[in-house]
Amino acid sequence: MGPVTYNLPQSTGGSGVSKGSGLDIKTFLAAALMSFSAGMLVLVGYILLGNFFGGFLGAVGAGFGIVWWRSVHDKTIFPRNLSGKAVAVLAVVSAVLLVLALLLT
């Protein structure tokens, strides 16, 4: 039997998934703010109507908001090249919903 050789794959240097930690942070913030905004929308709907139906309408509104976000960002919910402006707008919407919920209680 002759010598055994191994064909190991060559490393490309990076994972190829991420283009930088700044974009990863923006994507994480977008996911966190989108989840928070959806929950706040359900809460505001529940507070406004005072029953389960208001919460259901808030959940439907959150679903439509996520579908709209996906249509704006090239058919992906969390695109790789998410702009800082999109994250800032999402933060402002989250803050407005939080203030609205606090004022309604």
Protein backbone atom coordinates (compact mmCIF):
# COMPACT_ATOMS: atom_id res chain seq x y z
CA MET A 1 0.00 0.00 0.00
CA GLY A 2 1.35 3.42 -0.95
CA PRO A 3 1.27 6.63 1.04
CA VAL A 4 -2.18 8.04 1.84
CA THR A 5 -2.83 11.66 0.87
CA TYR A 6 -5.68 13.83 1.99
CA ASN A 7 -7.35 16.50 -0.11
CA LEU A 8 -8.30 19.06 2.48
CA PRO A 9 -10.48 21.97 1.38
CA GLN A 10 -8.72 25.31 1.28
CA SER A 11 -9.95 27.98 3.68
CA THR A 12 -11.33 31.12 2.07
CA GLY A 13 -10.53 33.24 5.11
CA GLY A 14 -14.10 34.09 6.09
CA SER A 15 -17.47 32.53 6.54
CA GLY A 16 -18.94 34.17 3.45
CA VAL A 17 -22.19 34.77 5.31
CA SER A 18 -21.56 38.15 6.86
CA LYS A 19 -20.03 41.25 5.33
CA GLY A 20 -19.05 42.78 8.66
CA SER A 21 -20.04 43.13 12.26
CA GLY A 22 -21.78 46.46 11.58
CA LEU A 23 -24.29 44.79 9.27
CA ASP A 24 -24.78 41.98 11.79
CA ILE A 25 -25.60 44.52 14.49
CA LYS A 26 -28.09 46.30 12.20
CA THR A 27 -29.78 43.00 11.40
CA PHE A 28 -29.97 42.07 15.08
CA LEU A 29 -31.42 45.49 15.96
CA ALA A 30 -33.96 45.21 13.15
CA ALA A 31 -35.06 41.77 14.38
CA ALA A 32 -35.35 42.95 17.98
CA LEU A 33 -37.19 46.15 17.05
CA MET A 34 -39.53 44.33 14.67
CA SER A 35 -40.46 41.84 17.39
CA PHE A 36 -40.95 44.65 19.92
CA SER A 37 -43.06 46.69 17.47
CA ALA A 38 -45.26 43.70 16.64
CA GLY A 39 -45.87 43.08 20.33
CA MET A 40 -46.59 46.74 20.97
CA LEU A 41 -49.06 46.79 18.09
CA VAL A 42 -50.92 43.84 19.62
CA LEU A 43 -50.89 45.61 23.01
CA VAL A 44 -52.20 48.88 21.57
CA GLY A 45 -54.98 47.02 19.76
CA TYR A 46 -55.93 45.24 22.98
CA ILE A 47 -55.89 48.49 24.97
CA LEU A 48 -57.96 50.38 22.40
CA LEU A 49 -60.74 47.81 22.09
CA GLY A 50 -60.37 46.25 25.53
CA ASN A 51 -60.84 42.66 24.45
CA PHE A 52 -59.29 39.76 22.56
CA PHE A 53 -60.51 41.09 19.22
CA GLY A 54 -58.36 44.21 19.59
CA GLY A 55 -55.30 42.07 20.19
CA PHE A 56 -56.19 39.97 17.17
CA LEU A 57 -56.51 43.08 15.00
CA GLY A 58 -53.13 44.24 16.31
CA ALA A 59 -51.61 40.88 15.34
CA VAL A 60 -53.12 41.16 11.86
CA GLY A 61 -51.68 44.67 11.57
CA ALA A 62 -48.27 43.39 12.66
CA GLY A 63 -48.48 40.67 10.01
CA PHE A 64 -49.28 43.21 7.32
CA GLY A 65 -46.41 45.37 8.57
CA ILE A 66 -43.96 42.48 8.21
CA VAL A 67 -45.27 41.70 4.71
CA TRP A 68 -44.84 45.37 3.76
CA TRP A 69 -41.29 45.43 5.21
CA ARG A 70 -40.46 42.33 3.14
CA SER A 71 -41.81 43.90 -0.05
CA VAL A 72 -39.71 47.03 0.50
CA HIS A 73 -36.47 45.10 1.18
CA ASP A 74 -36.11 42.89 -1.92
CA LYS A 75 -38.37 40.04 -0.80
CA THR A 76 -36.34 39.28 2.34
CA ILE A 77 -37.28 40.18 5.88
CA PHE A 78 -33.67 40.67 7.02
CA PRO A 79 -31.55 41.66 4.01
CA ARG A 80 -27.76 41.57 4.17
CA ASN A 81 -27.37 45.23 3.22
CA LEU A 82 -29.86 46.79 5.63
CA SER A 83 -29.45 50.55 5.78
CA GLY A 84 -29.11 52.53 8.96
CA LYS A 85 -32.08 54.64 7.89
CA ALA A 86 -34.37 51.59 7.89
CA VAL A 87 -33.26 50.66 11.40
CA ALA A 88 -33.75 54.26 12.57
CA VAL A 89 -37.28 54.40 11.14
CA LEU A 90 -38.07 51.10 12.85
CA ALA A 91 -36.74 52.50 16.14
CA VAL A 92 -38.91 55.62 15.79
CA VAL A 93 -42.02 53.53 15.06
CA SER A 94 -41.26 51.37 18.10
CA ALA A 95 -40.87 54.44 20.30
CA VAL A 96 -44.14 55.95 19.03
CA LEU A 97 -46.01 52.70 19.76
CA LEU A 98 -44.48 52.55 23.24
CA VAL A 99 -45.51 56.13 24.02
CA LEU A 100 -49.00 55.47 22.63
CA ALA A 101 -49.38 52.38 24.84
CA LEU A 102 -48.20 54.32 27.88
CA LEU A 103 -50.63 57.17 27.17
CA LEU A 104 -53.57 54.80 26.72
CA THR A 105 -53.09 53.02 30.04
